[in-house]
C-alpha atoms as a PDB file:
ATOM      1  CA  MET A   1     -14.576  27.066  15.096  1.00  0.00           C
ATOM      2  CA  PHE A   2     -13.494  27.083  11.498  1.00  0.00           C
ATOM      3  CA  GLU A   3      -9.948  28.183  10.681  1.00  0.00           C
ATOM      4  CA  TYR A   4      -8.691  28.044   7.114  1.00  0.00           C
ATOM      5  CA  HIS A   5      -6.407  29.461   4.457  1.00  0.00           C
ATOM      6  CA  PHE A   6      -7.087  29.411   0.732  1.00  0.00           C
ATOM      7  CA  ILE A   7      -3.942  29.058  -1.341  1.00  0.00           C
ATOM      8  CA  ALA A   8      -3.482  30.454  -4.835  1.00  0.00           C
ATOM      9  CA  ARG A   9      -2.466  27.650  -7.164  1.00  0.00           C
ATOM     10  CA  PRO A  10       0.698  28.636  -9.060  1.00  0.00           C
ATOM     11  CA  ASP A  11       1.020  28.324 -12.812  1.00  0.00           C
ATOM     12  CA  LEU A  12       2.242  24.732 -12.663  1.00  0.00           C
ATOM     13  CA  ASN A  13       1.679  21.757 -14.907  1.00  0.00           C
ATOM     14  CA  PRO A  14      -1.930  20.754 -14.038  1.00  0.00           C
ATOM     15  CA  SER A  15      -0.853  17.142 -13.532  1.00  0.00           C
ATOM     16  CA  LEU A  16       1.180  18.128 -10.476  1.00  0.00           C
ATOM     17  CA  GLY A  17      -0.461  17.957  -7.062  1.00  0.00           C
ATOM     18  CA  TYR A  18      -0.737  21.164  -5.075  1.00  0.00           C
ATOM     19  CA  PRO A  19      -2.698  22.238  -1.941  1.00  0.00           C
ATOM     20  CA  ILE A  20      -5.360  24.843  -2.650  1.00  0.00           C
ATOM     21  CA  ALA A  21      -6.852  25.163   0.849  1.00  0.00           C
ATOM     22  CA  ILE A  22      -6.147  23.973   4.383  1.00  0.00           C
ATOM     23  CA  GLY A  23      -8.017  24.317   7.630  1.00  0.00           C
ATOM     24  CA  ARG A  24      -8.935  23.078  11.083  1.00  0.00           C
ATOM     25  CA  ILE A  25     -12.399  22.498  12.556  1.00  0.00           C
ATOM     26  CA  PHE A  26     -13.025  22.181  16.296  1.00  0.00           C
ATOM     27  CA  GLU A  27     -15.768  22.820  18.855  1.00  0.00           C
ATOM     28  CA  GLU A  28     -18.393  22.500  16.144  1.00  0.00           C
ATOM     29  CA  PRO A  29     -20.812  19.709  17.151  1.00  0.00           C
ATOM     30  CA  ALA A  30     -23.098  20.600  14.248  1.00  0.00           C
ATOM     31  CA  HIS A  31     -20.365  20.231  11.620  1.00  0.00           C
ATOM     32  CA  LEU A  32     -21.931  18.326   8.749  1.00  0.00           C
ATOM     33  CA  THR A  33     -21.317  17.791   5.036  1.00  0.00           C
ATOM     34  CA  GLN A  34     -24.110  16.215   3.043  1.00  0.00           C
ATOM     35  CA  GLY A  35     -23.643  15.561  -0.655  1.00  0.00           C
ATOM     36  CA  THR A  36     -21.009  18.186  -1.516  1.00  0.00           C
ATOM     37  CA  ARG A  37     -19.102  17.415  -4.711  1.00  0.00           C
ATOM     38  CA  TYR A  38     -15.859  18.968  -5.947  1.00  0.00           C
ATOM     39  CA  PRO A  39     -14.658  19.387  -9.535  1.00  0.00           C
ATOM     40  CA  GLN A  40     -12.749  16.590 -11.189  1.00  0.00           C
ATOM     41  CA  HIS A  41      -9.102  16.242 -10.089  1.00  0.00           C
ATOM     42  CA  GLN A  42      -9.791  17.921  -6.744  1.00  0.00           C
ATOM     43  CA  TYR A  43      -9.385  16.002  -3.496  1.00  0.00           C
ATOM     44  CA  ASN A  44     -10.485  16.554   0.080  1.00  0.00           C
ATOM     45  CA  ILE A  45      -8.623  14.855   2.925  1.00  0.00           C
ATOM     46  CA  HIS A  46      -9.418  14.952   6.656  1.00  0.00           C
ATOM     47  CA  PHE A  47      -7.403  13.820   9.684  1.00  0.00           C
ATOM     48  CA  VAL A  48      -9.243  13.269  12.979  1.00  0.00           C
ATOM     49  CA  VAL A  49      -7.202  14.626  15.904  1.00  0.00           C
ATOM     50  CA  LYS A  50      -9.680  14.609  18.785  1.00  0.00           C
ATOM     51  CA  GLY A  51     -13.274  13.647  19.488  1.00  0.00           C
ATOM     52  CA  SER A  52     -15.232  11.516  17.062  1.00  0.00           C
ATOM     53  CA  GLY A  53     -17.288  11.713  13.914  1.00  0.00           C
ATOM     54  CA  TRP A  54     -18.696   9.598  11.133  1.00  0.00           C
ATOM     55  CA  LEU A  55     -18.607   9.027   7.387  1.00  0.00           C
ATOM     56  CA  LYS A  56     -21.469   7.535   5.431  1.00  0.00           C
ATOM     57  CA  THR A  57     -21.100   5.388   2.314  1.00  0.00           C
ATOM     58  CA  PRO A  58     -23.890   3.857   0.205  1.00  0.00           C
ATOM     59  CA  THR A  59     -23.645   0.688   2.309  1.00  0.00           C
ATOM     60  CA  GLU A  60     -22.578   1.701   5.834  1.00  0.00           C
ATOM     61  CA  THR A  61     -21.793   4.415   8.347  1.00  0.00           C
ATOM     62  CA  ILE A  62     -18.230   4.362   9.670  1.00  0.00           C
ATOM     63  CA  ALA A  63     -17.287   5.726  13.091  1.00  0.00           C
ATOM     64  CA  LEU A  64     -14.174   7.892  13.015  1.00  0.00           C
ATOM     65  CA  GLU A  65     -11.898   8.322  16.008  1.00  0.00           C
ATOM     66  CA  PRO A  66      -8.545  10.081  16.592  1.00  0.00           C
ATOM     67  CA  GLY A  67      -5.902   8.524  14.366  1.00  0.00           C
ATOM     68  CA  SER A  68      -8.306   7.945  11.482  1.00  0.00           C
ATOM     69  CA  GLY A  69      -8.966   9.938   8.352  1.00  0.00           C
ATOM     70  CA  PHE A  70     -10.563   9.895   4.924  1.00  0.00           C
ATOM     71  CA  LEU A  71      -9.981  11.070   1.389  1.00  0.00           C
ATOM     72  CA  TYR A  72     -12.598  11.998  -1.205  1.00  0.00           C
ATOM     73  CA  SER A  73     -11.832  12.578  -4.860  1.00  0.00           C
ATOM     74  CA  GLY A  74     -13.620  14.958  -7.202  1.00  0.00           C
ATOM     75  CA  ASP A  75     -17.157  14.098  -8.365  1.00  0.00           C
ATOM     76  CA  GLN A  76     -17.805  11.965  -5.250  1.00  0.00           C
ATOM     77  CA  ALA A  77     -20.734  12.974  -3.046  1.00  0.00           C
ATOM     78  CA  GLN A  78     -19.314  13.588   0.420  1.00  0.00           C
ATOM     79  CA  HIS A  79     -21.251  12.579   3.541  1.00  0.00           C
ATOM     80  CA  PHE A  80     -19.529  13.071   6.892  1.00  0.00           C
ATOM     81  CA  GLY A  81     -19.851  14.980  10.124  1.00  0.00           C
ATOM     82  CA  SER A  82     -18.942  15.445  13.763  1.00  0.00           C
ATOM     83  CA  ASP A  83     -20.411  13.513  16.667  1.00  0.00           C
ATOM     84  CA  THR A  84     -22.726  15.940  18.450  1.00  0.00           C
ATOM     85  CA  HIS A  85     -21.863  14.606  21.922  1.00  0.00           C
ATOM     86  CA  CYS A  86     -18.103  14.403  21.387  1.00  0.00           C
ATOM     87  CA  PRO A  87     -17.295  16.953  18.663  1.00  0.00           C
ATOM     88  CA  TRP A  88     -14.259  16.202  16.640  1.00  0.00           C
ATOM     89  CA  GLU A  89     -11.194  18.251  15.869  1.00  0.00           C
ATOM     90  CA  VAL A  90     -10.013  17.692  12.323  1.00  0.00           C
ATOM     91  CA  TRP A  91      -7.370  19.047  10.017  1.00  0.00           C
ATOM     92  CA  TRP A  92      -8.320  19.119   6.345  1.00  0.00           C
ATOM     93  CA  ILE A  93      -6.525  19.814   3.093  1.00  0.00           C
ATOM     94  CA  MET A  94      -8.086  20.419  -0.305  1.00  0.00           C
ATOM     95  CA  PHE A  95      -5.695  19.783  -3.173  1.00  0.00           C
ATOM     96  CA  SER A  96      -5.735  19.299  -6.918  1.00  0.00           C
ATOM     97  CA  GLY A  97      -3.680  17.560  -9.572  1.00  0.00           C
ATOM     98  CA  GLU A  98      -4.601  15.690 -12.734  1.00  0.00           C
ATOM     99  CA  GLY A  99      -1.760  13.213 -12.272  1.00  0.00           C
ATOM    100  CA  LEU A 100      -2.686  12.158  -8.729  1.00  0.00           C
ATOM    101  CA  ARG A 101      -5.074   9.391  -9.831  1.00  0.00           C
ATOM    102  CA  ASP A 102      -2.159   7.238 -11.004  1.00  0.00           C
ATOM    103  CA  LEU A 103      -0.379   7.809  -7.697  1.00  0.00           C
ATOM    104  CA  LEU A 104      -3.436   6.949  -5.596  1.00  0.00           C
ATOM    105  CA  GLY A 105      -4.329   3.850  -7.603  1.00  0.00           C
ATOM    106  CA  ASP A 106      -7.709   2.371  -6.706  1.00  0.00           C
ATOM    107  CA  ARG A 107      -7.977   4.278  -3.430  1.00  0.00           C
ATOM    108  CA  CYS A 108     -11.062   6.526  -3.321  1.00  0.00           C
ATOM    109  CA  LEU A 109     -11.880   5.340  -6.836  1.00  0.00           C
ATOM    110  CA  ASP A 110     -15.508   4.372  -6.190  1.00  0.00           C
ATOM    111  CA  ASP A 111     -15.975   5.874  -2.742  1.00  0.00           C
ATOM    112  CA  ALA A 112     -14.040   7.609   0.030  1.00  0.00           C
ATOM    113  CA  TRP A 113     -10.785   6.034   1.167  1.00  0.00           C
ATOM    114  CA  VAL A 114     -11.026   5.669   4.946  1.00  0.00           C
ATOM    115  CA  PHE A 115      -7.682   4.995   6.590  1.00  0.00           C
ATOM    116  CA  SER A 116      -5.957   4.559   9.930  1.00  0.00           C
ATOM    117  CA  LEU A 117      -2.786   6.464  10.753  1.00  0.00           C
ATOM    118  CA  ALA A 118      -1.973   3.836  13.415  1.00  0.00           C
ATOM    119  CA  ASP A 119       1.169   5.035  15.191  1.00  0.00           C
ATOM    120  CA  ASN A 120       2.339   7.325  12.375  1.00  0.00           C
ATOM    121  CA  LYS A 121       3.757  10.453  14.021  1.00  0.00           C
ATOM    122  CA  ARG A 122       4.995  12.134  10.847  1.00  0.00           C
ATOM    123  CA  ILE A 123       1.838  13.107   8.975  1.00  0.00           C
ATOM    124  CA  LEU A 124       0.255  15.706  11.274  1.00  0.00           C
ATOM    125  CA  PRO A 125       3.486  17.756  11.604  1.00  0.00           C
ATOM    126  CA  LEU A 126       3.591  17.849   7.784  1.00  0.00           C
ATOM    127  CA  VAL A 127       0.010  19.133   7.761  1.00  0.00           C
ATOM    128  CA  THR A 128       0.822  21.902  10.249  1.00  0.00           C
ATOM    129  CA  ASP A 129       3.891  22.786   8.163  1.00  0.00           C
ATOM    130  CA  ILE A 130       1.592  23.431   5.184  1.00  0.00           C
ATOM    131  CA  TRP A 131      -0.652  25.517   7.461  1.00  0.00           C
ATOM    132  CA  GLU A 132       2.245  27.721   8.532  1.00  0.00           C
ATOM    133  CA  LEU A 133       3.439  28.191   4.953  1.00  0.00           C
ATOM    134  CA  ALA A 134      -0.107  28.946   3.766  1.00  0.00           C
ATOM    135  CA  GLU A 135      -0.257  31.849   6.222  1.00  0.00           C
ATOM    136  CA  GLN A 136       2.634  33.475   4.362  1.00  0.00           C
ATOM    137  CA  GLN A 137       1.304  33.120   0.784  1.00  0.00           C
ATOM    138  CA  SER A 138       4.808  33.491  -0.615  1.00  0.00           C
ATOM    139  CA  LEU A 139       5.816  32.472  -4.146  1.00  0.00           C
ATOM    140  CA  PRO A 140       9.273  31.193  -3.085  1.00  0.00           C
ATOM    141  CA  LEU A 141       7.490  28.691  -0.803  1.00  0.00           C
ATOM    142  CA  VAL A 142       5.648  26.995  -3.699  1.00  0.00           C
ATOM    143  CA  PRO A 143       8.138  24.105  -4.104  1.00  0.00           C
ATOM    144  CA  ARG A 144       8.025  23.377  -0.374  1.00  0.00           C
ATOM    145  CA  MET A 145       4.211  23.387  -0.330  1.00  0.00           C
ATOM    146  CA  ALA A 146       4.079  20.906  -3.204  1.00  0.00           C
ATOM    147  CA  SER A 147       6.721  18.640  -1.693  1.00  0.00           C
ATOM    148  CA  LEU A 148       4.920  18.574   1.674  1.00  0.00           C
ATOM    149  CA  LEU A 149       1.702  17.482  -0.020  1.00  0.00           C
ATOM    150  CA  TYR A 150       3.473  14.660  -1.844  1.00  0.00           C
ATOM    151  CA  GLU A 151       5.179  13.624   1.365  1.00  0.00           C
ATOM    152  CA  ILE A 152       1.809  13.352   3.103  1.00  0.00           C
ATOM    153  CA  ILE A 153       0.354  11.288   0.249  1.00  0.00           C
ATOM    154  CA  LEU A 154       3.328   8.922   0.198  1.00  0.00           C
ATOM    155  CA  GLU A 155       3.202   8.514   3.979  1.00  0.00           C
ATOM    156  CA  LEU A 156      -0.433   7.487   3.630  1.00  0.00           C
ATOM    157  CA  LEU A 157       0.210   5.087   0.768  1.00  0.00           C
ATOM    158  CA  LEU A 158       3.223   3.442   2.358  1.00  0.00           C
ATOM    159  CA  HIS A 159       2.446   3.382   6.055  1.00  0.00           C
ATOM    160  CA  CYS A 160      -1.295   3.656   6.642  1.00  0.00           C
ATOM    161  CA  SER A 161      -3.912   0.929   6.385  1.00  0.00           C
ATOM    162  CA  SER A 162      -7.383   0.998   4.886  1.00  0.00           C
ATOM    163  CA  PHE A 163     -10.268   0.924   7.361  1.00  0.00           C
ATOM    164  CA  ARG A 164     -12.717  -0.973   5.213  1.00  0.00           C
ATOM    165  CA  ALA A 165     -10.332  -3.124   3.204  1.00  0.00           C
ATOM    166  CA  PRO A 166     -11.533  -6.690   2.680  1.00  0.00           C
ATOM    167  CA  LYS A 167      -9.292  -9.352   4.174  1.00  0.00           C
ATOM    168  CA  LYS A 168      -7.550 -10.061   0.866  1.00  0.00           C
ATOM    169  CA  ARG A 169      -6.813  -6.371   0.245  1.00  0.00           C
ATOM    170  CA  SER A 170      -5.660  -5.900   3.832  1.00  0.00           C
ATOM    171  CA  LEU A 171      -3.186  -8.770   3.471  1.00  0.00           C
ATOM    172  CA  GLU A 172      -1.946  -7.342   0.181  1.00  0.00           C
ATOM    173  CA  ASP A 173      -1.305  -4.033   1.941  1.00  0.00           C
ATOM    174  CA  SER A 174       0.650  -5.886   4.638  1.00  0.00           C
ATOM    175  CA  ILE A 175       2.713  -7.685   2.000  1.00  0.00           C
ATOM    176  CA  ARG A 176       3.525  -4.406   0.253  1.00  0.00           C
ATOM    177  CA  HIS A 177       4.503  -2.864   3.580  1.00  0.00           C
ATOM    178  CA  ALA A 178       6.772  -5.869   4.159  1.00  0.00           C
ATOM    179  CA  ALA A 179       8.316  -5.331   0.723  1.00  0.00           C
ATOM    180  CA  GLU A 180       8.925  -1.680   1.589  1.00  0.00           C
ATOM    181  CA  TYR A 181      10.524  -2.766   4.851  1.00  0.00           C
ATOM    182  CA  MET A 182      12.782  -5.143   2.899  1.00  0.00           C
ATOM    183  CA  ARG A 183      13.848  -2.343   0.565  1.00  0.00           C
ATOM    184  CA  PHE A 184      14.891  -0.099   3.428  1.00  0.00           C
ATOM    185  CA  HIS A 185      16.521  -2.856   5.489  1.00  0.00           C
ATOM    186  CA  SER A 186      17.990  -5.039   2.744  1.00  0.00           C
ATOM    187  CA  GLY A 187      21.461  -4.833   4.270  1.00  0.00           C
ATOM    188  CA  LYS A 188      20.280  -6.460   7.492  1.00  0.00           C
ATOM    189  CA  LYS A 189      19.680 -10.099   8.312  1.00  0.00           C
ATOM    190  CA  LEU A 190      16.049 -10.715   7.402  1.00  0.00           C
ATOM    191  CA  THR A 191      14.663 -14.181   8.005  1.00  0.00           C
ATOM    192  CA  LEU A 192      11.483 -15.542   6.494  1.00  0.00           C
ATOM    193  CA  GLN A 193      10.084 -15.936  10.004  1.00  0.00           C
ATOM    194  CA  HIS A 194      10.788 -12.284  10.817  1.00  0.00           C
ATOM    195  CA  LEU A 195       9.056 -11.109   7.639  1.00  0.00           C
ATOM    196  CA  ALA A 196       6.092 -13.417   8.227  1.00  0.00           C
ATOM    197  CA  ASP A 197       5.753 -12.051  11.756  1.00  0.00           C
ATOM    198  CA  PHE A 198       5.701  -8.563  10.222  1.00  0.00           C
ATOM    199  CA  CYS A 199       2.448  -9.568   8.474  1.00  0.00           C
ATOM    200  CA  GLY A 200       1.097 -11.764  11.266  1.00  0.00           C
ATOM    201  CA  ILE A 201       1.000 -14.954   9.180  1.00  0.00           C
ATOM    202  CA  SER A 202       2.997 -18.180   8.878  1.00  0.00           C
ATOM    203  CA  PRO A 203       6.269 -18.264   6.881  1.00  0.00           C
ATOM    204  CA  TYR A 204       4.742 -20.637   4.323  1.00  0.00           C
ATOM    205  CA  TYR A 205       1.671 -18.447   3.794  1.00  0.00           C
ATOM    206  CA  PHE A 206       3.840 -15.311   3.679  1.00  0.00           C
ATOM    207  CA  SER A 207       6.121 -16.806   1.017  1.00  0.00           C
ATOM    208  CA  ARG A 208       3.202 -17.935  -1.141  1.00  0.00           C
ATOM    209  CA  THR A 209       1.251 -14.677  -0.783  1.00  0.00           C
ATOM    210  CA  PHE A 210       4.338 -12.508  -1.320  1.00  0.00           C
ATOM    211  CA  HIS A 211       4.988 -14.331  -4.610  1.00  0.00           C
ATOM    212  CA  GLN A 212       1.386 -13.722  -5.693  1.00  0.00           C
ATOM    213  CA  VAL A 213       1.402 -10.022  -4.798  1.00  0.00           C
ATOM    214  CA  MET A 214       4.944  -9.005  -5.799  1.00  0.00           C
ATOM    215  CA  GLY A 215       5.504 -11.453  -8.658  1.00  0.00           C
ATOM    216  CA  VAL A 216       8.666 -13.022  -7.195  1.00  0.00           C
ATOM    217  CA  PRO A 217       9.506 -15.059  -4.071  1.00  0.00           C
ATOM    218  CA  PRO A 218      10.607 -13.014  -1.042  1.00  0.00           C
ATOM    219  CA  LEU A 219      14.235 -14.171  -1.166  1.00  0.00           C
ATOM    220  CA  GLU A 220      14.467 -13.305  -4.856  1.00  0.00           C
ATOM    221  CA  TYR A 221      12.983  -9.884  -4.153  1.00  0.00           C
ATOM    222  CA  LEU A 222      15.402  -9.305  -1.278  1.00  0.00           C
ATOM    223  CA  ASN A 223      18.397 -10.241  -3.433  1.00  0.00           C
ATOM    224  CA  VAL A 224      17.284  -7.770  -6.120  1.00  0.00           C
ATOM    225  CA  GLN A 225      17.128  -4.989  -3.519  1.00  0.00           C
ATOM    226  CA  ARG A 226      20.571  -5.951  -2.228  1.00  0.00           C
ATOM    227  CA  ILE A 227      22.034  -5.832  -5.731  1.00  0.00           C
ATOM    228  CA  GLN A 228      20.539  -2.375  -6.250  1.00  0.00           C
ATOM    229  CA  LEU A 229      22.123  -1.199  -3.006  1.00  0.00           C
ATOM    230  CA  ALA A 230      25.422  -2.783  -4.048  1.00  0.00           C
ATOM    231  CA  LYS A 231      25.364  -0.874  -7.355  1.00  0.00           C
ATOM    232  CA  GLN A 232      25.016   2.384  -5.446  1.00  0.00           C
ATOM    233  CA  MET A 233      27.946   1.478  -3.202  1.00  0.00           C
ATOM    234  CA  LEU A 234      30.092   0.456  -6.166  1.00  0.00           C
ATOM    235  CA  LEU A 235      29.334   3.835  -7.709  1.00  0.00           C
ATOM    236  CA  ALA A 236      29.899   5.964  -4.645  1.00  0.00           C
ATOM    237  CA  THR A 237      32.753   4.195  -2.818  1.00  0.00           C
ATOM    238  CA  THR A 238      36.041   2.458  -3.459  1.00  0.00           C
ATOM    239  CA  LYS A 239      35.297  -0.420  -1.097  1.00  0.00           C
ATOM    240  CA  LEU A 240      36.388  -3.886  -2.117  1.00  0.00           C
ATOM    241  CA  VAL A 241      33.757  -6.075  -3.729  1.00  0.00           C
ATOM    242  CA  LYS A 242      33.988  -8.443  -0.753  1.00  0.00           C
ATOM    243  CA  GLN A 243      33.240  -5.597   1.659  1.00  0.00           C
ATOM    244  CA  VAL A 244      30.328  -4.384  -0.455  1.00  0.00           C
ATOM    245  CA  ALA A 245      28.903  -7.910  -0.473  1.00  0.00           C
ATOM    246  CA  LEU A 246      28.976  -8.088   3.327  1.00  0.00           C
ATOM    247  CA  GLU A 247      27.470  -4.655   3.846  1.00  0.00           C
ATOM    248  CA  VAL A 248      24.497  -5.270   1.550  1.00  0.00           C
ATOM    249  CA  GLY A 249      23.630  -8.548   3.265  1.00  0.00           C
ATOM    250  CA  PHE A 250      25.500 -11.317   1.423  1.00  0.00           C
ATOM    251  CA  LYS A 251      27.553 -13.551   3.694  1.00  0.00           C
ATOM    252  CA  ASN A 252      29.461 -15.042   0.775  1.00  0.00           C
ATOM    253  CA  SER A 253      31.157 -12.812  -1.806  1.00  0.00           C
ATOM    254  CA  SER A 254      31.162 -15.624  -4.395  1.00  0.00           C
ATOM    255  CA  TYR A 255      27.382 -15.922  -4.163  1.00  0.00           C
ATOM    256  CA  PHE A 256      27.110 -12.140  -4.347  1.00  0.00           C
ATOM    257  CA  ILE A 257      29.129 -12.061  -7.568  1.00  0.00           C
ATOM    258  CA  GLU A 258      27.018 -14.887  -8.982  1.00  0.00           C
ATOM    259  CA  ARG A 259      23.786 -13.083  -8.163  1.00  0.00           C
ATOM    260  CA  PHE A 260      25.115  -9.779  -9.479  1.00  0.00           C
ATOM    261  CA  ARG A 261      26.127 -11.355 -12.805  1.00  0.00           C
ATOM    262  CA  LYS A 262      22.748 -13.066 -13.132  1.00  0.00           C
ATOM    263  CA  GLN A 263      20.878  -9.782 -12.597  1.00  0.00           C
ATOM    264  CA  GLU A 264      23.181  -7.327 -14.399  1.00  0.00           C
ATOM    265  CA  GLY A 265      24.953  -9.522 -16.956  1.00  0.00           C
ATOM    266  CA  ILE A 266      28.402  -8.522 -15.668  1.00  0.00           C
ATOM    267  CA  THR A 267      30.389  -8.920 -12.454  1.00  0.00           C
ATOM    268  CA  PRO A 268      30.557  -6.172  -9.802  1.00  0.00           C
ATOM    269  CA  ALA A 269      34.160  -5.437 -10.770  1.00  0.00           C
ATOM    270  CA  GLU A 270      33.219  -5.105 -14.448  1.00  0.00           C
ATOM    271  CA  PHE A 271      30.285  -2.877 -13.492  1.00  0.00           C
ATOM    272  CA  ARG A 272      32.574  -0.528 -11.592  1.00  0.00           C
ATOM    273  CA  GLU A 273      35.252  -0.592 -14.289  1.00  0.00           C
ATOM    274  CA  ARG A 274      32.831   0.289 -17.069  1.00  0.00           C
ATOM    275  CA  LEU A 275      31.528   3.222 -15.096  1.00  0.00           C
ATOM    276  CA  VAL A 276      35.012   4.520 -14.437  1.00  0.00           C
ATOM    277  CA  VAL A 277      35.872   4.230 -18.126  1.00  0.00           C
ATOM    278  CA  SER A 278      32.659   5.946 -19.215  1.00  0.00           C
ATOM    279  CA  GLU A 279      33.266   8.823 -16.804  1.00  0.00           C
ATOM    280  CA  LYS A 280      36.720   9.367 -18.268  1.00  0.00           C
END
């Protein structure tokens, strides 16, 4: 069966991403797309929920199972379909936006981006949220529709892995995921061993590869994130500098002040004082 809703694109800046159609396909063993192309700046994304299917590239045919998905960009010839013996159930979204290429980077640049959702439990509920809003076709729901699409894209970029990534690219993805983890957990005790385990490599190899990918050593990167968090706390609270230092992950307030001055050019106390003066 084919269920779908087409969505009128509002009069928005064309660079902004917005869903223009959404649907679900199930119990269709003959489902097949061979060579379809969309206009430039249009994208077609599928999420496999049940059953199995396949996607064909110029060099290989990739088996798709539940928890996998793929994204095609405009002008790419699309070749995919359901397994005839175990028909898939897929959710799909067609969306457009001239500014999405910068957000997606090199994904689906030359061919489809095939990805694994792994244990991500957030994406499919976001897809069904768009489905429910699309049924209403209401102008006041436009901001929510756009934000849901961006949330799905960011979930994919931050938390999903590429199916066909070469080993080097796969490790780079793991390093970037580790960096994201560091940003969100900078106030906690994070050891080099723990971060290396996150990527499944040795501490030495993690440290060297992290420096290559992110441009700075992991400890330096972590300290930068902690200083950023400290600046927010200095802005939003009246906590003592010593307390702020402890809560953002520095055991020693003197070292915190030293690091803060090196990064910002002033001490935490001076940072807070200048803000207070400027607000007055």
